[in-house]
C-alpha atoms as a PDB file:
ATOM      1  CA  MET A   1      -0.015   0.005   0.003  1.00  0.00           C
ATOM      2  CA  LEU A   2       2.894   2.421   0.595  1.00  0.00           C
ATOM      3  CA  THR A   3       3.809   2.549  -3.076  1.00  0.00           C
ATOM      4  CA  THR A   4       0.276   3.028  -4.486  1.00  0.00           C
ATOM      5  CA  THR A   5      -0.294   6.177  -6.481  1.00  0.00           C
ATOM      6  CA  PRO A   6      -2.493   8.147  -3.961  1.00  0.00           C
ATOM      7  CA  VAL A   7       0.274   7.971  -1.326  1.00  0.00           C
ATOM      8  CA  LEU A   8       3.026   9.570  -3.522  1.00  0.00           C
ATOM      9  CA  ALA A   9       3.173  13.364  -3.595  1.00  0.00           C
ATOM     10  CA  LEU A  10       4.153  15.693  -6.421  1.00  0.00           C
ATOM     11  CA  PRO A  11       7.537  17.481  -5.960  1.00  0.00           C
ATOM     12  CA  GLU A  12       7.463  21.285  -5.322  1.00  0.00           C
ATOM     13  CA  PRO A  13      10.468  23.163  -6.780  1.00  0.00           C
ATOM     14  CA  GLY A  14      12.182  25.442  -4.287  1.00  0.00           C
ATOM     15  CA  LYS A  15      11.560  23.261  -1.274  1.00  0.00           C
ATOM     16  CA  PRO A  16      14.375  21.079   0.225  1.00  0.00           C
ATOM     17  CA  TYR A  17      14.555  17.358  -0.654  1.00  0.00           C
ATOM     18  CA  MET A  18      15.587  14.472   1.578  1.00  0.00           C
ATOM     19  CA  VAL A  19      17.073  11.276   0.126  1.00  0.00           C
ATOM     20  CA  TYR A  20      17.221   8.171   2.237  1.00  0.00           C
ATOM     21  CA  THR A  21      19.422   5.314   1.022  1.00  0.00           C
ATOM     22  CA  ASP A  22      20.417   1.872   2.306  1.00  0.00           C
ATOM     23  CA  ALA A  23      22.306  -1.070   0.848  1.00  0.00           C
ATOM     24  CA  SER A  24      22.731  -4.743   1.765  1.00  0.00           C
ATOM     25  CA  GLY A  25      24.509  -7.737   0.297  1.00  0.00           C
ATOM     26  CA  ILE A  26      21.535  -8.356  -1.977  1.00  0.00           C
ATOM     27  CA  GLY A  27      20.586  -4.939  -3.295  1.00  0.00           C
ATOM     28  CA  LEU A  28      19.833  -1.294  -2.522  1.00  0.00           C
ATOM     29  CA  GLY A  29      16.849   0.883  -1.839  1.00  0.00           C
ATOM     30  CA  CYS A  30      16.219   4.620  -1.688  1.00  0.00           C
ATOM     31  CA  VAL A  31      13.397   7.037  -0.960  1.00  0.00           C
ATOM     32  CA  LEU A  32      12.934  10.643  -2.156  1.00  0.00           C
ATOM     33  CA  MET A  33      10.979  12.794   0.267  1.00  0.00           C
ATOM     34  CA  GLN A  34       9.972  16.421   0.655  1.00  0.00           C
ATOM     35  CA  GLU A  35       8.552  17.894   3.872  1.00  0.00           C
ATOM     36  CA  GLY A  36       7.792  14.397   5.185  1.00  0.00           C
ATOM     37  CA  ARG A  37       5.958  13.317   2.091  1.00  0.00           C
ATOM     38  CA  VAL A  38       7.186  10.503  -0.191  1.00  0.00           C
ATOM     39  CA  ILE A  39       7.916  11.595  -3.756  1.00  0.00           C
ATOM     40  CA  ALA A  40       9.339   8.351  -5.144  1.00  0.00           C
ATOM     41  CA  TYR A  41      10.787   4.957  -4.300  1.00  0.00           C
ATOM     42  CA  ALA A  42      13.548   3.082  -6.107  1.00  0.00           C
ATOM     43  CA  SER A  43      15.439  -0.178  -5.618  1.00  0.00           C
ATOM     44  CA  ARG A  44      17.440  -2.769  -7.485  1.00  0.00           C
ATOM     45  CA  GLN A  45      19.446  -5.934  -6.929  1.00  0.00           C
ATOM     46  CA  TRP A  46      23.203  -6.075  -7.214  1.00  0.00           C
ATOM     47  CA  GLN A  47      24.444  -7.716 -10.376  1.00  0.00           C
ATOM     48  CA  GLY A  48      27.473 -10.042 -10.789  1.00  0.00           C
ATOM     49  CA  SER A  49      30.687  -8.652  -9.297  1.00  0.00           C
ATOM     50  CA  GLU A  50      28.825  -5.798  -7.567  1.00  0.00           C
ATOM     51  CA  ARG A  51      28.058  -8.209  -4.716  1.00  0.00           C
ATOM     52  CA  ASN A  52      31.845  -8.455  -3.988  1.00  0.00           C
ATOM     53  CA  ARG A  53      32.293  -4.776  -3.293  1.00  0.00           C
ATOM     54  CA  PRO A  54      33.167  -3.628   0.238  1.00  0.00           C
ATOM     55  CA  THR A  55      30.417  -2.288   2.442  1.00  0.00           C
ATOM     56  CA  HIS A  56      31.327   1.412   2.073  1.00  0.00           C
ATOM     57  CA  ASP A  57      31.254   1.074  -1.786  1.00  0.00           C
ATOM     58  CA  LEU A  58      27.827  -0.604  -1.622  1.00  0.00           C
ATOM     59  CA  GLU A  59      26.477   2.199   0.556  1.00  0.00           C
ATOM     60  CA  LEU A  60      28.058   4.832  -1.677  1.00  0.00           C
ATOM     61  CA  GLY A  61      26.690   3.073  -4.736  1.00  0.00           C
ATOM     62  CA  ALA A  62      23.169   3.413  -3.278  1.00  0.00           C
ATOM     63  CA  VAL A  63      23.671   7.191  -2.849  1.00  0.00           C
ATOM     64  CA  ILE A  64      25.059   7.577  -6.400  1.00  0.00           C
ATOM     65  CA  PHE A  65      22.137   5.488  -7.775  1.00  0.00           C
ATOM     66  CA  ALA A  66      19.611   7.794  -6.064  1.00  0.00           C
ATOM     67  CA  LEU A  67      21.320  11.000  -7.245  1.00  0.00           C
ATOM     68  CA  LYS A  68      21.429   9.765 -10.801  1.00  0.00           C
ATOM     69  CA  ILE A  69      17.813   8.587 -11.167  1.00  0.00           C
ATOM     70  CA  TRP A  70      16.433  11.689  -9.484  1.00  0.00           C
ATOM     71  CA  ARG A  71      18.857  14.133 -10.995  1.00  0.00           C
ATOM     72  CA  SER A  72      16.097  16.135 -12.739  1.00  0.00           C
ATOM     73  CA  TYR A  73      14.485  16.829  -9.361  1.00  0.00           C
ATOM     74  CA  LEU A  74      17.624  17.530  -7.313  1.00  0.00           C
ATOM     75  CA  LEU A  75      19.767  19.786  -9.556  1.00  0.00           C
ATOM     76  CA  GLY A  76      19.795  23.311  -8.209  1.00  0.00           C
ATOM     77  CA  GLU A  77      17.807  22.330  -5.039  1.00  0.00           C
ATOM     78  CA  THR A  78      18.753  21.929  -1.409  1.00  0.00           C
ATOM     79  CA  VAL A  79      19.265  18.216  -0.789  1.00  0.00           C
ATOM     80  CA  GLN A  80      19.994  16.249   2.352  1.00  0.00           C
ATOM     81  CA  VAL A  81      21.198  12.682   1.977  1.00  0.00           C
ATOM     82  CA  PHE A  82      20.646  10.273   4.910  1.00  0.00           C
ATOM     83  CA  THR A  83      22.495   6.982   5.128  1.00  0.00           C
ATOM     84  CA  ASP A  84      23.304   4.604   8.004  1.00  0.00           C
ATOM     85  CA  HIS A  85      26.960   4.363   7.013  1.00  0.00           C
ATOM     86  CA  LYS A  86      28.792   7.174   8.898  1.00  0.00           C
ATOM     87  CA  SER A  87      32.172   6.784   7.061  1.00  0.00           C
ATOM     88  CA  LEU A  88      30.489   8.168   3.879  1.00  0.00           C
ATOM     89  CA  GLN A  89      30.665  11.629   5.409  1.00  0.00           C
ATOM     90  CA  HIS A  90      34.384  11.756   4.522  1.00  0.00           C
ATOM     91  CA  ILE A  91      34.433   9.595   1.427  1.00  0.00           C
ATOM     92  CA  PHE A  92      35.362  12.439  -0.979  1.00  0.00           C
ATOM     93  CA  THR A  93      37.839  14.087   1.351  1.00  0.00           C
ATOM     94  CA  GLN A  94      39.909  11.031   2.237  1.00  0.00           C
ATOM     95  CA  PRO A  95      43.568  11.043   1.028  1.00  0.00           C
ATOM     96  CA  MET A  96      43.175   8.022  -1.272  1.00  0.00           C
ATOM     97  CA  MET A  97      40.175   6.823  -3.301  1.00  0.00           C
ATOM     98  CA  ASN A  98      39.933   3.728  -5.453  1.00  0.00           C
ATOM     99  CA  ALA A  99      39.133   3.946  -9.151  1.00  0.00           C
ATOM    100  CA  ARG A 100      35.419   3.378  -8.649  1.00  0.00           C
ATOM    101  CA  GLN A 101      35.105   6.145  -6.051  1.00  0.00           C
ATOM    102  CA  THR A 102      37.087   8.520  -8.324  1.00  0.00           C
ATOM    103  CA  ARG A 103      34.593   7.871 -11.148  1.00  0.00           C
ATOM    104  CA  TRP A 104      31.662   8.495  -8.820  1.00  0.00           C
ATOM    105  CA  GLU A 105      33.056  11.747  -7.382  1.00  0.00           C
ATOM    106  CA  PRO A 106      31.807  14.062 -10.160  1.00  0.00           C
ATOM    107  CA  LEU A 107      28.281  12.531  -9.975  1.00  0.00           C
ATOM    108  CA  GLY A 108      28.146  13.048  -6.230  1.00  0.00           C
ATOM    109  CA  LEU A 109      29.339  16.652  -6.362  1.00  0.00           C
ATOM    110  CA  GLU A 110      27.387  17.816  -9.472  1.00  0.00           C
ATOM    111  CA  ALA A 111      24.386  18.986  -7.430  1.00  0.00           C
ATOM    112  CA  VAL A 112      26.754  20.953  -5.190  1.00  0.00           C
ATOM    113  CA  ASP A 113      28.275  22.648  -8.216  1.00  0.00           C
ATOM    114  CA  GLN A 114      24.832  23.566  -9.533  1.00  0.00           C
ATOM    115  CA  ALA A 115      23.764  24.932  -6.176  1.00  0.00           C
ATOM    116  CA  ASP A 116      26.977  26.980  -6.054  1.00  0.00           C
ATOM    117  CA  LEU A 117      26.230  28.391  -9.507  1.00  0.00           C
ATOM    118  CA  LEU A 118      22.772  29.492  -8.422  1.00  0.00           C
ATOM    119  CA  SER A 119      24.155  31.151  -5.320  1.00  0.00           C
ATOM    120  CA  ARG A 120      26.733  33.013  -7.425  1.00  0.00           C
ATOM    121  CA  ILE A 121      23.921  34.197  -9.763  1.00  0.00           C
ATOM    122  CA  ARG A 122      21.989  35.391  -6.744  1.00  0.00           C
ATOM    123  CA  VAL A 123      24.972  37.364  -5.435  1.00  0.00           C
ATOM    124  CA  ALA A 124      25.723  38.867  -8.861  1.00  0.00           C
ATOM    125  CA  GLN A 125      22.127  39.946  -9.279  1.00  0.00           C
ATOM    126  CA  GLN A 126      22.448  42.275  -6.287  1.00  0.00           C
ATOM    127  CA  SER A 127      25.388  44.097  -7.939  1.00  0.00           C
ATOM    128  CA  ASP A 128      23.741  44.561 -11.321  1.00  0.00           C
ATOM    129  CA  GLN A 129      22.070  47.947 -10.997  1.00  0.00           C
ATOM    130  CA  SER A 130      20.314  47.769 -14.371  1.00  0.00           C
ATOM    131  CA  LEU A 131      18.656  44.478 -13.308  1.00  0.00           C
ATOM    132  CA  LEU A 132      17.603  45.974  -9.923  1.00  0.00           C
ATOM    133  CA  ASP A 133      16.094  48.977 -11.717  1.00  0.00           C
ATOM    134  CA  ALA A 134      14.255  46.765 -14.162  1.00  0.00           C
ATOM    135  CA  ARG A 135      12.848  44.667 -11.337  1.00  0.00           C
ATOM    136  CA  VAL A 136      11.266  47.789  -9.883  1.00  0.00           C
ATOM    137  CA  THR A 137       9.655  48.907 -13.119  1.00  0.00           C
ATOM    138  CA  GLY A 138       8.941  45.530 -14.794  1.00  0.00           C
ATOM    139  CA  SER A 139       5.862  43.561 -13.865  1.00  0.00           C
ATOM    140  CA  GLU A 140       7.268  40.301 -15.227  1.00  0.00           C
ATOM    141  CA  TYR A 141       9.972  40.219 -12.550  1.00  0.00           C
ATOM    142  CA  GLU A 142       9.516  38.331  -9.280  1.00  0.00           C
ATOM    143  CA  VAL A 143      11.677  37.115  -6.337  1.00  0.00           C
ATOM    144  CA  SER A 144      11.770  33.449  -5.306  1.00  0.00           C
ATOM    145  CA  ALA A 145      11.707  32.216  -1.738  1.00  0.00           C
ATOM    146  CA  ASN A 146      15.534  32.065  -1.624  1.00  0.00           C
ATOM    147  CA  GLY A 147      15.955  35.619  -2.965  1.00  0.00           C
ATOM    148  CA  THR A 148      16.643  34.844  -6.639  1.00  0.00           C
ATOM    149  CA  ILE A 149      15.249  37.290  -9.209  1.00  0.00           C
ATOM    150  CA  LEU A 150      13.119  35.520 -11.761  1.00  0.00           C
ATOM    151  CA  VAL A 151      11.561  36.501 -15.065  1.00  0.00           C
ATOM    152  CA  ARG A 152       8.396  34.567 -15.847  1.00  0.00           C
ATOM    153  CA  GLY A 153       9.708  31.720 -13.648  1.00  0.00           C
ATOM    154  CA  ARG A 154      13.234  31.646 -15.131  1.00  0.00           C
ATOM    155  CA  VAL A 155      16.444  32.657 -13.413  1.00  0.00           C
ATOM    156  CA  CYS A 156      17.519  36.111 -14.554  1.00  0.00           C
ATOM    157  CA  VAL A 157      21.284  35.971 -15.267  1.00  0.00           C
ATOM    158  CA  PRO A 158      22.976  39.376 -14.683  1.00  0.00           C
ATOM    159  CA  LYS A 159      25.597  40.973 -16.986  1.00  0.00           C
ATOM    160  CA  ASP A 160      28.438  38.757 -15.757  1.00  0.00           C
ATOM    161  CA  VAL A 161      30.486  37.273 -18.612  1.00  0.00           C
ATOM    162  CA  GLU A 162      32.095  34.583 -16.441  1.00  0.00           C
ATOM    163  CA  LEU A 163      28.676  33.386 -15.171  1.00  0.00           C
ATOM    164  CA  ARG A 164      27.177  33.282 -18.620  1.00  0.00           C
ATOM    165  CA  HIS A 165      30.179  31.411 -20.006  1.00  0.00           C
ATOM    166  CA  GLN A 166      29.860  28.862 -17.214  1.00  0.00           C
ATOM    167  CA  ILE A 167      26.205  28.286 -18.043  1.00  0.00           C
ATOM    168  CA  LEU A 168      26.912  28.030 -21.749  1.00  0.00           C
ATOM    169  CA  GLY A 169      29.752  25.641 -21.160  1.00  0.00           C
ATOM    170  CA  GLU A 170      27.672  23.388 -18.948  1.00  0.00           C
ATOM    171  CA  ALA A 171      24.776  23.433 -21.412  1.00  0.00           C
ATOM    172  CA  HIS A 172      26.961  22.582 -24.366  1.00  0.00           C
ATOM    173  CA  ALA A 173      29.875  20.349 -23.266  1.00  0.00           C
ATOM    174  CA  SER A 174      28.843  18.569 -20.075  1.00  0.00           C
ATOM    175  CA  LYS A 175      28.605  14.771 -20.114  1.00  0.00           C
ATOM    176  CA  PHE A 176      24.773  15.034 -20.170  1.00  0.00           C
ATOM    177  CA  SER A 177      24.347  17.554 -22.958  1.00  0.00           C
ATOM    178  CA  ILE A 178      26.740  16.069 -25.574  1.00  0.00           C
ATOM    179  CA  HIS A 179      27.337  19.191 -27.781  1.00  0.00           C
ATOM    180  CA  PRO A 180      23.833  20.070 -28.982  1.00  0.00           C
ATOM    181  CA  GLY A 181      23.287  22.426 -31.922  1.00  0.00           C
ATOM    182  CA  ALA A 182      22.531  26.102 -31.391  1.00  0.00           C
ATOM    183  CA  THR A 183      18.721  25.719 -31.722  1.00  0.00           C
ATOM    184  CA  LYS A 184      18.356  22.828 -29.267  1.00  0.00           C
ATOM    185  CA  MET A 185      20.785  24.383 -26.820  1.00  0.00           C
ATOM    186  CA  TYR A 186      18.902  27.720 -26.866  1.00  0.00           C
ATOM    187  CA  HIS A 187      15.520  26.021 -26.286  1.00  0.00           C
ATOM    188  CA  ASP A 188      16.960  23.989 -23.408  1.00  0.00           C
ATOM    189  CA  LEU A 189      18.512  27.051 -21.750  1.00  0.00           C
ATOM    190  CA  LYS A 190      15.560  29.395 -22.078  1.00  0.00           C
ATOM    191  CA  ARG A 191      13.459  26.991 -20.020  1.00  0.00           C
ATOM    192  CA  TYR A 192      15.525  27.843 -16.961  1.00  0.00           C
ATOM    193  CA  TYR A 193      17.506  31.030 -17.650  1.00  0.00           C
ATOM    194  CA  HIS A 194      16.822  34.480 -19.036  1.00  0.00           C
ATOM    195  CA  TRP A 195      19.143  37.219 -20.283  1.00  0.00           C
ATOM    196  CA  VAL A 196      19.006  39.673 -23.140  1.00  0.00           C
ATOM    197  CA  GLY A 197      20.884  38.366 -26.213  1.00  0.00           C
ATOM    198  CA  MET A 198      20.899  34.707 -25.134  1.00  0.00           C
ATOM    199  CA  LYS A 199      20.123  33.375 -28.635  1.00  0.00           C
ATOM    200  CA  ARG A 200      23.067  35.304 -30.125  1.00  0.00           C
ATOM    201  CA  ASP A 201      25.394  34.194 -27.292  1.00  0.00           C
ATOM    202  CA  VAL A 202      24.381  30.547 -27.828  1.00  0.00           C
ATOM    203  CA  ALA A 203      24.973  30.720 -31.596  1.00  0.00           C
ATOM    204  CA  ASP A 204      28.440  32.305 -31.038  1.00  0.00           C
ATOM    205  CA  TRP A 205      29.357  29.674 -28.449  1.00  0.00           C
ATOM    206  CA  VAL A 206      28.415  26.725 -30.683  1.00  0.00           C
ATOM    207  CA  ALA A 207      30.143  28.288 -33.703  1.00  0.00           C
ATOM    208  CA  LYS A 208      33.413  28.556 -31.729  1.00  0.00           C
ATOM    209  CA  CYS A 209      33.300  24.988 -30.417  1.00  0.00           C
ATOM    210  CA  ASN A 210      36.305  23.092 -31.835  1.00  0.00           C
ATOM    211  CA  THR A 211      34.754  19.697 -31.158  1.00  0.00           C
ATOM    212  CA  CYS A 212      31.643  20.559 -33.096  1.00  0.00           C
ATOM    213  CA  ALA A 213      33.695  21.843 -35.982  1.00  0.00           C
ATOM    214  CA  LEU A 214      35.715  18.626 -36.186  1.00  0.00           C
ATOM    215  CA  VAL A 215      32.725  16.233 -36.179  1.00  0.00           C
ATOM    216  CA  LYS A 216      30.198  18.406 -37.940  1.00  0.00           C
ATOM    217  CA  ALA A 217      27.722  16.285 -39.908  1.00  0.00           C
ATOM    218  CA  GLU A 218      27.621  16.667 -43.686  1.00  0.00           C
ATOM    219  CA  HIS A 219      24.145  17.705 -44.881  1.00  0.00           C
ATOM    220  CA  GLN A 220      24.708  17.694 -48.656  1.00  0.00           C
ATOM    221  CA  VAL A 221      24.581  14.824 -51.179  1.00  0.00           C
ATOM    222  CA  PRO A 222      28.007  13.023 -51.417  1.00  0.00           C
ATOM    223  CA  GLY A 223      29.956  13.959 -54.524  1.00  0.00           C
ATOM    224  CA  GLY A 224      30.664  10.377 -55.438  1.00  0.00           C
ATOM    225  CA  LEU A 225      33.984   8.862 -56.533  1.00  0.00           C
ATOM    226  CA  LEU A 226      36.378  11.024 -58.463  1.00  0.00           C
ATOM    227  CA  GLN A 227      36.825   9.989 -62.110  1.00  0.00           C
ATOM    228  CA  SER A 228      39.827  10.905 -64.198  1.00  0.00           C
ATOM    229  CA  LEU A 229      39.277  12.487 -67.654  1.00  0.00           C
ATOM    230  CA  PRO A 230      40.241  10.490 -70.763  1.00  0.00           C
ATOM    231  CA  ILE A 231      43.710  11.158 -72.123  1.00  0.00           C
ATOM    232  CA  PRO A 232      43.587  12.855 -75.554  1.00  0.00           C
ATOM    233  CA  GLU A 233      45.275  11.064 -78.524  1.00  0.00           C
ATOM    234  CA  TRP A 234      46.315  14.240 -80.426  1.00  0.00           C
ATOM    235  CA  LYS A 235      47.537  17.609 -79.388  1.00  0.00           C
ATOM    236  CA  TRP A 236      44.935  20.357 -79.331  1.00  0.00           C
ATOM    237  CA  ASP A 237      42.267  17.637 -79.583  1.00  0.00           C
ATOM    238  CA  ARG A 238      40.945  18.650 -76.141  1.00  0.00           C
ATOM    239  CA  ILE A 239      41.564  22.014 -74.459  1.00  0.00           C
ATOM    240  CA  THR A 240      40.644  23.912 -71.378  1.00  0.00           C
ATOM    241  CA  MET A 241      40.166  27.678 -71.223  1.00  0.00           C
ATOM    242  CA  ASP A 242      39.602  30.503 -68.786  1.00  0.00           C
ATOM    243  CA  PHE A 243      39.804  34.308 -68.606  1.00  0.00           C
ATOM    244  CA  VAL A 244      42.038  36.551 -66.543  1.00  0.00           C
ATOM    245  CA  VAL A 245      40.025  39.751 -66.086  1.00  0.00           C
ATOM    246  CA  GLY A 246      40.349  43.006 -64.181  1.00  0.00           C
ATOM    247  CA  LEU A 247      43.759  43.959 -65.590  1.00  0.00           C
ATOM    248  CA  PRO A 248      44.923  47.501 -66.253  1.00  0.00           C
ATOM    249  CA  VAL A 249      43.684  48.739 -69.675  1.00  0.00           C
ATOM    250  CA  SER A 250      46.321  48.531 -72.427  1.00  0.00           C
ATOM    251  CA  ARG A 251      45.263  49.631 -75.928  1.00  0.00           C
ATOM    252  CA  THR A 252      41.612  48.974 -75.046  1.00  0.00           C
ATOM    253  CA  PHE A 253      42.385  45.460 -73.794  1.00  0.00           C
ATOM    254  CA  ASP A 254      41.957  44.587 -70.116  1.00  0.00           C
ATOM    255  CA  ALA A 255      41.606  40.745 -70.086  1.00  0.00           C
ATOM    256  CA  ILE A 256      43.556  37.665 -71.225  1.00  0.00           C
ATOM    257  CA  TRP A 257      42.016  34.611 -72.841  1.00  0.00           C
ATOM    258  CA  VAL A 258      43.978  31.540 -71.663  1.00  0.00           C
ATOM    259  CA  ILE A 259      43.756  28.293 -73.671  1.00  0.00           C
ATOM    260  CA  VAL A 260      45.698  25.150 -72.553  1.00  0.00           C
ATOM    261  CA  ASP A 261      46.155  21.899 -74.525  1.00  0.00           C
ATOM    262  CA  ARG A 262      45.391  19.003 -72.129  1.00  0.00           C
ATOM    263  CA  LEU A 263      47.869  16.657 -73.750  1.00  0.00           C
ATOM    264  CA  THR A 264      51.014  18.812 -74.193  1.00  0.00           C
ATOM    265  CA  LYS A 265      50.095  21.640 -71.794  1.00  0.00           C
ATOM    266  CA  SER A 266      50.902  24.105 -74.574  1.00  0.00           C
ATOM    267  CA  THR A 267      49.357  27.470 -73.770  1.00  0.00           C
ATOM    268  CA  PHE A 268      47.855  30.174 -75.972  1.00  0.00           C
ATOM    269  CA  LEU A 269      47.304  33.671 -74.554  1.00  0.00           C
ATOM    270  CA  GLY A 270      45.107  36.129 -76.383  1.00  0.00           C
ATOM    271  CA  HIS A 271      44.333  39.703 -75.399  1.00  0.00           C
ATOM    272  CA  GLN A 272      40.666  40.420 -74.987  1.00  0.00           C
ATOM    273  CA  GLU A 273      38.237  43.066 -73.785  1.00  0.00           C
ATOM    274  CA  ASP A 274      36.636  42.176 -70.486  1.00  0.00           C
ATOM    275  CA  ARG A 275      33.168  42.908 -71.843  1.00  0.00           C
ATOM    276  CA  TRP A 276      33.530  40.052 -74.344  1.00  0.00           C
ATOM    277  CA  SER A 277      34.776  37.401 -71.859  1.00  0.00           C
ATOM    278  CA  CYS A 278      31.327  36.632 -70.506  1.00  0.00           C
ATOM    279  CA  CYS A 279      30.077  36.017 -74.044  1.00  0.00           C
ATOM    280  CA  LEU A 280      32.960  33.745 -75.002  1.00  0.00           C
ATOM    281  CA  GLY A 281      32.716  31.856 -71.650  1.00  0.00           C
END
């Protein structure tokens, strides 16, 4: 009965979350809660060699599992993680970590980085006088419970180049975004952030990305295999020609008609008026 639909509550953005995790030799379980109400449950069994891990890695694996599956709820929010394994308090500050813990470290600290970014935005907003003035005169501005200035529910990013570059970098090159194009990146960002000129900044950022330039997909029909031209049997049997135009006028001539024999590479140069080159070409 505890996991039936009427018991579960809908998450409310802006309110703190609590994540409870536990692990055993068989599997793991976790609960996402908010103000004493259950938002979601999750569990799974250990597979293969996972059962051979030490206890602290099993407990840490349960925490990482919860943070990954509920990432969309937890990013940018205040989160408390509760576990019955006290040594996990110091897992990321210990002098030596094994390879598995090193791989898990970015996942465990990502929510902290996002929260730090939002706090930096909040501090920078208070030093942006133009934003503070617009907040007074603009009806679309509002202030969230934690003091962040919002525009129609989106975080208003002040005129701070470093902050905007950090947001653009995370949206384009993080391990979850995988270098989206300018259009998709803009639509993803504008759901959460707002600043004047965002679309132009996104287009410039994507255009300057070296990785995107190296692996840019080709959208035109392939040219096919190159074919060599047949070799002529006699000289002057097949020729190529072109015009050199835009030369200084000399005796009314300002262009050169260049004719090259494809077999012997013999060249004929004839003076020509530029106005006739388009007709002959």
